[in-house]
Amino acid sequence: MANLTLNVTDAKGAKADTVEVPEEIFGYSKEEVAARVPLVHQVVIAQLAARRQGTHAVKNRARISGGGKKPWKQKGTGRARQGSIRAPQFAGGAVVHGPVPRDYSQRTPKKMKAAALRYVLSDRNNAGRIHVVDLGVAENPSTKTAKAALAAVAGERFTTVVVSRDNINEWLSVRNLSYVHVLFADQLNTYDVVTAEDVVFTKEGLDAFLNKTEEA
């Protein structure tokens, strides 16, 4: 597959440069993306499942104190036989079939995760929602400057911003914006693209992401 060309906008929203990106990451057609929706769905569900702690638990009869003696004798009372006041039918008794600690994580091969990310990035690019922006904060962090640069391409739509670990000022500049979810290039994942209306790469962030993709 060939390369695609994306515009690089400056802090004022004007075209400052262009950059080539691989078509195999950003260039799948709408029909190809639509055919891979089940794959994307499976990867997103696996990501959400992996976030669950799974520490929920209830007490069964063995874990509740008391109840060692029969509440009344076996026969002669006219009532149903009972062995413990900690049985589930008694107030303060155990819980039947309640949740127990478990691991919710699902096995998701690396190739599946990489493929799902490519398809959702292509989907955003097909919609014109992939941007490469120079935030203008290379030397000193400035939320005001970064906000203006983002507003020029995405307004205040919910945006995932991808930055490089080598330029911490970009991360510092956008982290407090309520409609921005900022990630380092090696953290970009399917869920954070799916939930974002726009995806903004800084120039260094895009380079770091592409280098990581080549190494994988």
C-alpha atoms as a PDB file:
ATOM      1  CA  MET A   1       0.000   0.000   0.000  1.00  0.00           C
ATOM      2  CA  ALA A   2       1.126   3.549  -0.708  1.00  0.00           C
ATOM      3  CA  ASN A   3       1.401   6.471   1.672  1.00  0.00           C
ATOM      4  CA  LEU A   4      -1.195   9.107   2.443  1.00  0.00           C
ATOM      5  CA  THR A   5      -0.519  12.787   3.007  1.00  0.00           C
ATOM      6  CA  LEU A   6      -1.862  14.633   6.035  1.00  0.00           C
ATOM      7  CA  ASN A   7      -1.662  18.366   6.610  1.00  0.00           C
ATOM      8  CA  VAL A   8       0.218  19.691   9.631  1.00  0.00           C
ATOM      9  CA  THR A   9      -1.465  22.764  11.092  1.00  0.00           C
ATOM     10  CA  ASP A  10       0.246  25.356  13.240  1.00  0.00           C
ATOM     11  CA  ALA A  11      -0.917  26.879  16.525  1.00  0.00           C
ATOM     12  CA  LYS A  12      -3.212  29.241  14.578  1.00  0.00           C
ATOM     13  CA  GLY A  13      -4.849  26.517  12.513  1.00  0.00           C
ATOM     14  CA  ALA A  14      -3.051  27.342   9.270  1.00  0.00           C
ATOM     15  CA  LYS A  15      -1.411  24.715   7.105  1.00  0.00           C
ATOM     16  CA  ALA A  16       2.281  24.683   7.951  1.00  0.00           C
ATOM     17  CA  ASP A  17       3.534  21.444   6.438  1.00  0.00           C
ATOM     18  CA  THR A  18       2.539  17.991   5.240  1.00  0.00           C
ATOM     19  CA  VAL A  19       3.476  14.560   6.486  1.00  0.00           C
ATOM     20  CA  GLU A  20       3.215  11.126   4.890  1.00  0.00           C
ATOM     21  CA  VAL A  21       1.544   8.305   6.801  1.00  0.00           C
ATOM     22  CA  PRO A  22       1.203   4.637   5.837  1.00  0.00           C
ATOM     23  CA  GLU A  23      -1.981   3.709   4.013  1.00  0.00           C
ATOM     24  CA  GLU A  24      -2.040   0.370   5.840  1.00  0.00           C
ATOM     25  CA  ILE A  25      -2.691   2.272   9.095  1.00  0.00           C
ATOM     26  CA  PHE A  26      -4.823   5.233   8.006  1.00  0.00           C
ATOM     27  CA  GLY A  27      -6.070   4.255   4.549  1.00  0.00           C
ATOM     28  CA  TYR A  28      -8.603   1.432   4.812  1.00  0.00           C
ATOM     29  CA  SER A  29     -11.834   2.197   2.974  1.00  0.00           C
ATOM     30  CA  LYS A  30     -15.218   2.612   4.652  1.00  0.00           C
ATOM     31  CA  GLU A  31     -16.279  -0.790   3.311  1.00  0.00           C
ATOM     32  CA  GLU A  32     -13.195  -2.508   4.728  1.00  0.00           C
ATOM     33  CA  VAL A  33     -13.716  -0.826   8.108  1.00  0.00           C
ATOM     34  CA  ALA A  34     -17.401  -1.813   8.157  1.00  0.00           C
ATOM     35  CA  ALA A  35     -16.465  -5.426   7.539  1.00  0.00           C
ATOM     36  CA  ARG A  36     -14.174  -5.388  10.589  1.00  0.00           C
ATOM     37  CA  VAL A  37     -16.625  -3.922  13.106  1.00  0.00           C
ATOM     38  CA  PRO A  38     -16.923  -7.298  14.946  1.00  0.00           C
ATOM     39  CA  LEU A  39     -13.134  -7.357  15.377  1.00  0.00           C
ATOM     40  CA  VAL A  40     -13.108  -3.815  16.771  1.00  0.00           C
ATOM     41  CA  HIS A  41     -16.008  -4.662  19.080  1.00  0.00           C
ATOM     42  CA  GLN A  42     -14.227  -7.735  20.434  1.00  0.00           C
ATOM     43  CA  VAL A  43     -11.052  -5.780  21.174  1.00  0.00           C
ATOM     44  CA  VAL A  44     -12.952  -2.954  22.900  1.00  0.00           C
ATOM     45  CA  ILE A  45     -14.913  -5.407  25.056  1.00  0.00           C
ATOM     46  CA  ALA A  46     -11.653  -7.127  26.020  1.00  0.00           C
ATOM     47  CA  GLN A  47     -10.121  -3.779  26.990  1.00  0.00           C
ATOM     48  CA  LEU A  48     -13.092  -2.900  29.188  1.00  0.00           C
ATOM     49  CA  ALA A  49     -13.071  -6.356  30.763  1.00  0.00           C
ATOM     50  CA  ALA A  50      -9.379  -6.046  31.602  1.00  0.00           C
ATOM     51  CA  ARG A  51     -10.114  -2.856  33.550  1.00  0.00           C
ATOM     52  CA  ARG A  52     -12.409  -4.660  35.970  1.00  0.00           C
ATOM     53  CA  GLN A  53     -10.821  -5.403  39.327  1.00  0.00           C
ATOM     54  CA  GLY A  54     -12.887  -8.494  39.973  1.00  0.00           C
ATOM     55  CA  THR A  55     -12.538  -8.103  43.743  1.00  0.00           C
ATOM     56  CA  HIS A  56     -16.285  -8.321  44.446  1.00  0.00           C
ATOM     57  CA  ALA A  57     -17.233 -10.906  47.055  1.00  0.00           C
ATOM     58  CA  VAL A  58     -20.013 -11.890  49.431  1.00  0.00           C
ATOM     59  CA  LYS A  59     -19.982 -14.077  52.515  1.00  0.00           C
ATOM     60  CA  ASN A  60     -21.201 -17.619  52.307  1.00  0.00           C
ATOM     61  CA  ARG A  61     -22.273 -19.702  55.312  1.00  0.00           C
ATOM     62  CA  ALA A  62     -18.696 -20.662  56.108  1.00  0.00           C
ATOM     63  CA  ARG A  63     -17.649 -17.019  56.455  1.00  0.00           C
ATOM     64  CA  ILE A  64     -20.402 -15.697  58.724  1.00  0.00           C
ATOM     65  CA  SER A  65     -19.855 -15.924  62.466  1.00  0.00           C
ATOM     66  CA  GLY A  66     -22.429 -17.624  64.658  1.00  0.00           C
ATOM     67  CA  GLY A  67     -25.051 -20.157  63.728  1.00  0.00           C
ATOM     68  CA  GLY A  68     -23.241 -23.161  65.143  1.00  0.00           C
ATOM     69  CA  LYS A  69     -26.263 -24.344  67.107  1.00  0.00           C
ATOM     70  CA  LYS A  70     -29.588 -25.469  65.700  1.00  0.00           C
ATOM     71  CA  PRO A  71     -32.174 -22.694  66.277  1.00  0.00           C
ATOM     72  CA  TRP A  72     -34.660 -25.295  67.572  1.00  0.00           C
ATOM     73  CA  LYS A  73     -34.806 -29.019  67.939  1.00  0.00           C
ATOM     74  CA  GLN A  74     -35.281 -31.206  64.932  1.00  0.00           C
ATOM     75  CA  LYS A  75     -38.732 -32.549  65.757  1.00  0.00           C
ATOM     76  CA  GLY A  76     -41.807 -31.700  67.732  1.00  0.00           C
ATOM     77  CA  THR A  77     -42.077 -27.954  67.173  1.00  0.00           C
ATOM     78  CA  GLY A  78     -44.331 -28.073  64.124  1.00  0.00           C
ATOM     79  CA  ARG A  79     -41.929 -25.875  62.257  1.00  0.00           C
ATOM     80  CA  ALA A  80     -39.633 -26.782  59.404  1.00  0.00           C
ATOM     81  CA  ARG A  81     -36.307 -28.244  60.447  1.00  0.00           C
ATOM     82  CA  GLN A  82     -33.413 -25.775  60.480  1.00  0.00           C
ATOM     83  CA  GLY A  83     -29.719 -26.306  61.014  1.00  0.00           C
ATOM     84  CA  SER A  84     -28.395 -22.761  61.409  1.00  0.00           C
ATOM     85  CA  ILE A  85     -29.595 -19.193  61.743  1.00  0.00           C
ATOM     86  CA  ARG A  86     -26.932 -18.300  59.161  1.00  0.00           C
ATOM     87  CA  ALA A  87     -28.793 -20.141  56.401  1.00  0.00           C
ATOM     88  CA  PRO A  88     -29.775 -17.869  53.473  1.00  0.00           C
ATOM     89  CA  GLN A  89     -33.449 -17.707  54.425  1.00  0.00           C
ATOM     90  CA  PHE A  90     -32.669 -16.045  57.780  1.00  0.00           C
ATOM     91  CA  ALA A  91     -32.023 -12.334  58.244  1.00  0.00           C
ATOM     92  CA  GLY A  92     -28.267 -11.872  58.539  1.00  0.00           C
ATOM     93  CA  GLY A  93     -27.694 -15.170  56.802  1.00  0.00           C
ATOM     94  CA  ALA A  94     -25.421 -16.047  53.930  1.00  0.00           C
ATOM     95  CA  VAL A  95     -25.845 -15.079  50.281  1.00  0.00           C
ATOM     96  CA  VAL A  96     -26.547 -17.830  47.777  1.00  0.00           C
ATOM     97  CA  HIS A  97     -24.508 -17.930  44.573  1.00  0.00           C
ATOM     98  CA  GLY A  98     -23.201 -14.399  45.134  1.00  0.00           C
ATOM     99  CA  PRO A  99     -20.235 -12.890  43.282  1.00  0.00           C
ATOM    100  CA  VAL A 100     -16.789 -14.186  44.133  1.00  0.00           C
ATOM    101  CA  PRO A 101     -13.370 -12.765  43.170  1.00  0.00           C
ATOM    102  CA  ARG A 102     -12.536 -13.569  39.563  1.00  0.00           C
ATOM    103  CA  ASP A 103     -10.358 -12.456  36.678  1.00  0.00           C
ATOM    104  CA  TYR A 104     -12.347 -10.842  33.862  1.00  0.00           C
ATOM    105  CA  SER A 105      -9.455 -10.446  31.439  1.00  0.00           C
ATOM    106  CA  GLN A 106      -9.780 -11.981  27.989  1.00  0.00           C
ATOM    107  CA  ARG A 107      -7.001 -13.258  25.819  1.00  0.00           C
ATOM    108  CA  THR A 108      -6.545 -10.898  22.882  1.00  0.00           C
ATOM    109  CA  PRO A 109      -3.649 -11.632  20.481  1.00  0.00           C
ATOM    110  CA  LYS A 110      -1.370  -8.701  19.673  1.00  0.00           C
ATOM    111  CA  LYS A 111      -2.207  -8.949  15.973  1.00  0.00           C
ATOM    112  CA  MET A 112      -5.908  -8.520  16.732  1.00  0.00           C
ATOM    113  CA  LYS A 113      -5.281  -5.412  18.824  1.00  0.00           C
ATOM    114  CA  ALA A 114      -2.985  -3.927  16.181  1.00  0.00           C
ATOM    115  CA  ALA A 115      -5.495  -4.630  13.398  1.00  0.00           C
ATOM    116  CA  ALA A 116      -8.409  -3.107  15.340  1.00  0.00           C
ATOM    117  CA  LEU A 117      -6.374   0.054  15.975  1.00  0.00           C
ATOM    118  CA  ARG A 118      -5.586   0.382  12.261  1.00  0.00           C
ATOM    119  CA  TYR A 119      -9.238   0.076  11.295  1.00  0.00           C
ATOM    120  CA  VAL A 120     -10.507   2.653  13.787  1.00  0.00           C
ATOM    121  CA  LEU A 121      -7.770   5.096  12.815  1.00  0.00           C
ATOM    122  CA  SER A 122      -8.768   4.641   9.170  1.00  0.00           C
ATOM    123  CA  ASP A 123     -12.393   5.212  10.140  1.00  0.00           C
ATOM    124  CA  ARG A 124     -11.537   8.523  11.808  1.00  0.00           C
ATOM    125  CA  ASN A 125      -9.377   9.524   8.857  1.00  0.00           C
ATOM    126  CA  ASN A 126     -12.188   8.717   6.402  1.00  0.00           C
ATOM    127  CA  ALA A 127     -14.368  11.108   8.403  1.00  0.00           C
ATOM    128  CA  GLY A 128     -11.707  13.835   8.360  1.00  0.00           C
ATOM    129  CA  ARG A 129     -11.174  13.503  12.108  1.00  0.00           C
ATOM    130  CA  ILE A 130      -7.418  12.745  12.149  1.00  0.00           C
ATOM    131  CA  HIS A 131      -5.296  15.869  12.627  1.00  0.00           C
ATOM    132  CA  VAL A 132      -1.593  16.572  12.969  1.00  0.00           C
ATOM    133  CA  VAL A 133      -1.066  19.761  14.942  1.00  0.00           C
ATOM    134  CA  ASP A 134       1.892  21.803  16.107  1.00  0.00           C
ATOM    135  CA  LEU A 135       0.692  22.948  19.528  1.00  0.00           C
ATOM    136  CA  GLY A 136       3.359  25.668  19.685  1.00  0.00           C
ATOM    137  CA  VAL A 137       4.535  24.687  23.173  1.00  0.00           C
ATOM    138  CA  ALA A 138       7.913  23.141  22.431  1.00  0.00           C
ATOM    139  CA  GLU A 139       9.837  25.312  24.909  1.00  0.00           C
ATOM    140  CA  ASN A 140       7.299  26.242  27.585  1.00  0.00           C
ATOM    141  CA  PRO A 141       3.959  24.634  28.465  1.00  0.00           C
ATOM    142  CA  SER A 142       0.917  26.791  27.754  1.00  0.00           C
ATOM    143  CA  THR A 143      -2.637  25.533  28.055  1.00  0.00           C
ATOM    144  CA  LYS A 144      -3.957  28.697  26.396  1.00  0.00           C
ATOM    145  CA  THR A 145      -1.790  28.193  23.308  1.00  0.00           C
ATOM    146  CA  ALA A 146      -2.552  24.488  23.067  1.00  0.00           C
ATOM    147  CA  LYS A 147      -6.288  25.095  23.501  1.00  0.00           C
ATOM    148  CA  ALA A 148      -6.293  27.571  20.625  1.00  0.00           C
ATOM    149  CA  ALA A 149      -4.400  25.141  18.397  1.00  0.00           C
ATOM    150  CA  LEU A 150      -6.872  22.340  19.135  1.00  0.00           C
ATOM    151  CA  ALA A 151      -9.887  24.606  18.717  1.00  0.00           C
ATOM    152  CA  ALA A 152      -8.754  25.438  15.192  1.00  0.00           C
ATOM    153  CA  VAL A 153      -9.121  21.816  14.053  1.00  0.00           C
ATOM    154  CA  ALA A 154     -11.547  20.142  16.470  1.00  0.00           C
ATOM    155  CA  GLY A 155     -13.366  22.893  18.347  1.00  0.00           C
ATOM    156  CA  GLU A 156     -14.290  21.555  21.766  1.00  0.00           C
ATOM    157  CA  ARG A 157     -15.285  18.099  20.590  1.00  0.00           C
ATOM    158  CA  PHE A 158     -13.991  15.270  22.773  1.00  0.00           C
ATOM    159  CA  THR A 159     -10.485  14.640  21.492  1.00  0.00           C
ATOM    160  CA  THR A 160      -7.766  12.094  22.066  1.00  0.00           C
ATOM    161  CA  VAL A 161      -4.408  13.847  21.827  1.00  0.00           C
ATOM    162  CA  VAL A 162      -1.317  11.741  21.142  1.00  0.00           C
ATOM    163  CA  VAL A 163       2.027  13.197  22.230  1.00  0.00           C
ATOM    164  CA  SER A 164       5.619  12.053  22.467  1.00  0.00           C
ATOM    165  CA  ARG A 165       7.346  11.218  25.717  1.00  0.00           C
ATOM    166  CA  ASP A 166      10.258  13.369  24.522  1.00  0.00           C
ATOM    167  CA  ASN A 167       8.205  16.576  24.738  1.00  0.00           C
ATOM    168  CA  ILE A 168       6.534  16.661  28.135  1.00  0.00           C
ATOM    169  CA  ASN A 169       5.463  20.290  27.626  1.00  0.00           C
ATOM    170  CA  GLU A 170       2.801  19.178  25.150  1.00  0.00           C
ATOM    171  CA  TRP A 171       1.350  16.787  27.711  1.00  0.00           C
ATOM    172  CA  LEU A 172       1.433  19.459  30.420  1.00  0.00           C
ATOM    173  CA  SER A 173      -0.365  21.916  28.146  1.00  0.00           C
ATOM    174  CA  VAL A 174      -3.437  19.790  27.377  1.00  0.00           C
ATOM    175  CA  ARG A 175      -3.860  17.574  30.436  1.00  0.00           C
ATOM    176  CA  ASN A 176      -6.266  19.975  32.201  1.00  0.00           C
ATOM    177  CA  LEU A 177      -8.654  20.461  29.270  1.00  0.00           C
ATOM    178  CA  SER A 178     -11.916  18.729  30.178  1.00  0.00           C
ATOM    179  CA  TYR A 179     -12.649  17.572  26.630  1.00  0.00           C
ATOM    180  CA  VAL A 180      -9.158  16.176  25.998  1.00  0.00           C
ATOM    181  CA  HIS A 181      -7.825  12.719  26.772  1.00  0.00           C
ATOM    182  CA  VAL A 182      -4.059  12.829  26.347  1.00  0.00           C
ATOM    183  CA  LEU A 183      -1.893   9.762  25.705  1.00  0.00           C
ATOM    184  CA  PHE A 184       1.707   9.053  24.926  1.00  0.00           C
ATOM    185  CA  ALA A 185       2.267   7.463  21.521  1.00  0.00           C
ATOM    186  CA  ASP A 186       3.037   4.041  22.976  1.00  0.00           C
ATOM    187  CA  GLN A 187      -0.309   4.084  24.867  1.00  0.00           C
ATOM    188  CA  LEU A 188      -2.623   4.657  21.907  1.00  0.00           C
ATOM    189  CA  ASN A 189      -5.296   1.975  21.803  1.00  0.00           C
ATOM    190  CA  THR A 190      -8.545   1.083  20.092  1.00  0.00           C
ATOM    191  CA  TYR A 191     -10.877   2.142  22.913  1.00  0.00           C
ATOM    192  CA  ASP A 192      -9.443   5.660  23.183  1.00  0.00           C
ATOM    193  CA  VAL A 193      -9.867   6.159  19.431  1.00  0.00           C
ATOM    194  CA  VAL A 194     -13.407   4.739  19.368  1.00  0.00           C
ATOM    195  CA  THR A 195     -14.567   7.002  22.198  1.00  0.00           C
ATOM    196  CA  ALA A 196     -13.015  10.159  20.710  1.00  0.00           C
ATOM    197  CA  GLU A 197     -14.690  12.351  18.126  1.00  0.00           C
ATOM    198  CA  ASP A 198     -11.309  13.574  16.877  1.00  0.00           C
ATOM    199  CA  VAL A 199      -7.764  12.224  17.176  1.00  0.00           C
ATOM    200  CA  VAL A 200      -4.966  14.786  17.232  1.00  0.00           C
ATOM    201  CA  PHE A 201      -1.328  13.822  16.831  1.00  0.00           C
ATOM    202  CA  THR A 202       1.439  16.236  17.557  1.00  0.00           C
ATOM    203  CA  LYS A 203       4.213  16.012  14.974  1.00  0.00           C
ATOM    204  CA  GLU A 204       6.525  14.297  17.445  1.00  0.00           C
ATOM    205  CA  GLY A 205       3.688  12.123  18.708  1.00  0.00           C
ATOM    206  CA  LEU A 206       2.929  10.893  15.181  1.00  0.00           C
ATOM    207  CA  ASP A 207       6.610  10.104  14.552  1.00  0.00           C
ATOM    208  CA  ALA A 208       6.810   8.167  17.822  1.00  0.00           C
ATOM    209  CA  PHE A 209       3.620   6.239  16.995  1.00  0.00           C
ATOM    210  CA  LEU A 210       4.817   5.295  13.508  1.00  0.00           C
ATOM    211  CA  ASN A 211       8.225   4.232  14.822  1.00  0.00           C
ATOM    212  CA  LYS A 212       6.538   2.026  17.414  1.00  0.00           C
ATOM    213  CA  THR A 213       4.303   0.507  14.740  1.00  0.00           C
ATOM    214  CA  GLU A 214       7.308  -0.333  12.564  1.00  0.00           C
ATOM    215  CA  GLU A 215       9.051  -2.045  15.467  1.00  0.00           C
ATOM    216  CA  ALA A 216       6.018  -4.177  16.358  1.00  0.00           C
END
